[in-house]
Amino acid sequence: MKAQGFLEKHDVDVESVTNASKERKGRTEALAIAKTVDKIVVAKGKKIVTFDMKKDRPDDATLTSHLLGPTGNLRAPTIRRGKSLYVGFNEDAYQELAK
């Protein structure tokens, strides 16, 4: 809900929305998505981790530890914008989306 509120407040266009509780994406799907982007920004609380997928791609175990939640599914919210993937919500990280 925080992410959705941020996007509405900053008038960020959303092409499609998927309900994560109804359409689950596991390890295989999460890694497939990760391989299609150049940058991944992961927010866990106040901590932000950025992966440069072109210059310094992490191994699959590292990626999945950041992309998947405790249920083994892709964490929500996850936003793809161009060649960047944002996982989790952090207002500072989302400022790039508002530009």
Protein backbone atom coordinates (compact mmCIF):
# COMPACT_ATOMS: atom_id res chain seq x y z
CA MET A 1 0.00 0.00 0.00
CA LYS A 2 2.92 2.37 0.68
CA ALA A 3 4.32 1.80 -2.79
CA GLN A 4 0.94 2.32 -4.42
CA GLY A 5 0.43 5.54 -2.46
CA PHE A 6 3.87 6.80 -3.49
CA LEU A 7 3.23 6.07 -7.16
CA GLU A 8 -0.15 7.83 -7.07
CA LYS A 9 1.23 10.84 -5.15
CA HIS A 10 4.06 11.31 -7.67
CA ASP A 11 1.85 10.60 -10.68
CA VAL A 12 3.95 7.64 -11.89
CA ASP A 13 2.29 5.77 -14.74
CA VAL A 14 1.67 2.08 -14.08
CA GLU A 15 1.23 -0.17 -17.09
CA SER A 16 0.02 -3.27 -15.26
CA VAL A 17 -0.55 -4.49 -11.72
CA THR A 18 -0.47 -8.09 -10.54
CA ASN A 19 -1.78 -9.28 -7.20
CA ALA A 20 1.19 -11.11 -5.63
CA SER A 21 -1.06 -13.22 -3.41
CA LYS A 22 -2.92 -14.59 -6.44
CA GLU A 23 -0.12 -14.84 -9.00
CA ARG A 24 2.96 -16.15 -7.25
CA LYS A 25 6.41 -16.13 -8.81
CA GLY A 26 8.93 -18.54 -7.34
CA ARG A 27 12.69 -18.90 -7.65
CA THR A 28 12.74 -19.80 -11.35
CA GLU A 29 10.48 -16.91 -12.38
CA ALA A 30 12.33 -14.41 -10.14
CA LEU A 31 15.70 -15.36 -11.64
CA ALA A 32 14.27 -15.18 -15.16
CA ILE A 33 13.03 -11.64 -14.49
CA ALA A 34 16.39 -10.67 -12.95
CA LYS A 35 18.24 -11.80 -16.05
CA THR A 36 16.28 -9.36 -18.23
CA VAL A 37 17.31 -6.17 -16.38
CA ASP A 38 20.50 -4.15 -16.04
CA LYS A 39 19.96 -2.97 -12.46
CA ILE A 40 18.17 -4.37 -9.42
CA VAL A 41 17.40 -2.21 -6.39
CA VAL A 42 16.34 -4.18 -3.32
CA ALA A 43 14.90 -2.51 -0.24
CA LYS A 44 14.69 -4.32 3.08
CA GLY A 45 13.53 -1.86 5.69
CA LYS A 46 15.88 1.13 5.57
CA LYS A 47 18.64 -0.87 3.87
CA ILE A 48 19.01 -0.58 0.08
CA VAL A 49 21.14 -2.97 -1.98
CA THR A 50 21.81 -2.31 -5.66
CA PHE A 51 23.04 -4.94 -8.10
CA ASP A 52 24.62 -3.97 -11.43
CA MET A 53 23.61 -6.95 -13.54
CA LYS A 54 25.88 -5.98 -16.45
CA LYS A 55 29.17 -5.30 -14.65
CA ASP A 56 28.99 -7.39 -11.47
CA ARG A 57 26.17 -9.94 -11.63
CA PRO A 58 25.81 -11.82 -8.33
CA ASP A 59 25.36 -15.58 -8.18
CA ASP A 60 21.86 -17.07 -8.14
CA ALA A 61 21.96 -17.79 -4.39
CA THR A 62 22.73 -14.15 -3.58
CA LEU A 63 20.03 -12.92 -5.94
CA THR A 64 17.35 -15.22 -4.60
CA SER A 65 18.20 -14.33 -1.00
CA HIS A 66 17.31 -10.72 -1.87
CA LEU A 67 14.45 -11.28 -4.32
CA LEU A 68 12.46 -13.95 -2.51
CA GLY A 69 10.49 -13.58 0.69
CA PRO A 70 10.07 -16.14 3.46
CA THR A 71 7.42 -18.02 1.45
CA GLY A 72 9.87 -18.58 -1.41
CA ASN A 73 8.03 -16.21 -3.74
CA LEU A 74 9.10 -12.92 -5.32
CA ARG A 75 8.80 -10.18 -2.73
CA ALA A 76 6.12 -7.55 -3.12
CA PRO A 77 6.04 -4.87 -4.23
CA THR A 78 8.19 -5.47 -7.28
CA ILE A 79 8.31 -2.85 -10.01
CA ARG A 80 9.97 -3.09 -13.37
CA ARG A 81 10.72 0.18 -15.10
CA GLY A 82 12.68 -0.08 -18.29
CA LYS A 83 15.84 -2.06 -17.55
CA SER A 84 15.56 -1.60 -13.76
CA LEU A 85 13.84 -3.78 -11.16
CA TYR A 86 12.77 -2.44 -7.75
CA VAL A 87 12.03 -5.03 -5.08
CA GLY A 88 10.50 -4.03 -1.75
CA PHE A 89 9.53 -0.49 -0.79
CA ASN A 90 11.83 2.31 0.29
CA GLU A 91 10.84 5.90 -0.43
CA ASP A 92 14.42 6.95 -1.14
CA ALA A 93 14.86 4.18 -3.72
CA TYR A 94 11.51 5.03 -5.32
CA GLN A 95 12.58 8.65 -5.96
CA GLU A 96 14.11 7.44 -9.24
CA LEU A 97 10.64 6.32 -10.34
CA ALA A 98 9.23 9.81 -9.76
CA LYS A 99 11.64 11.43 -12.24
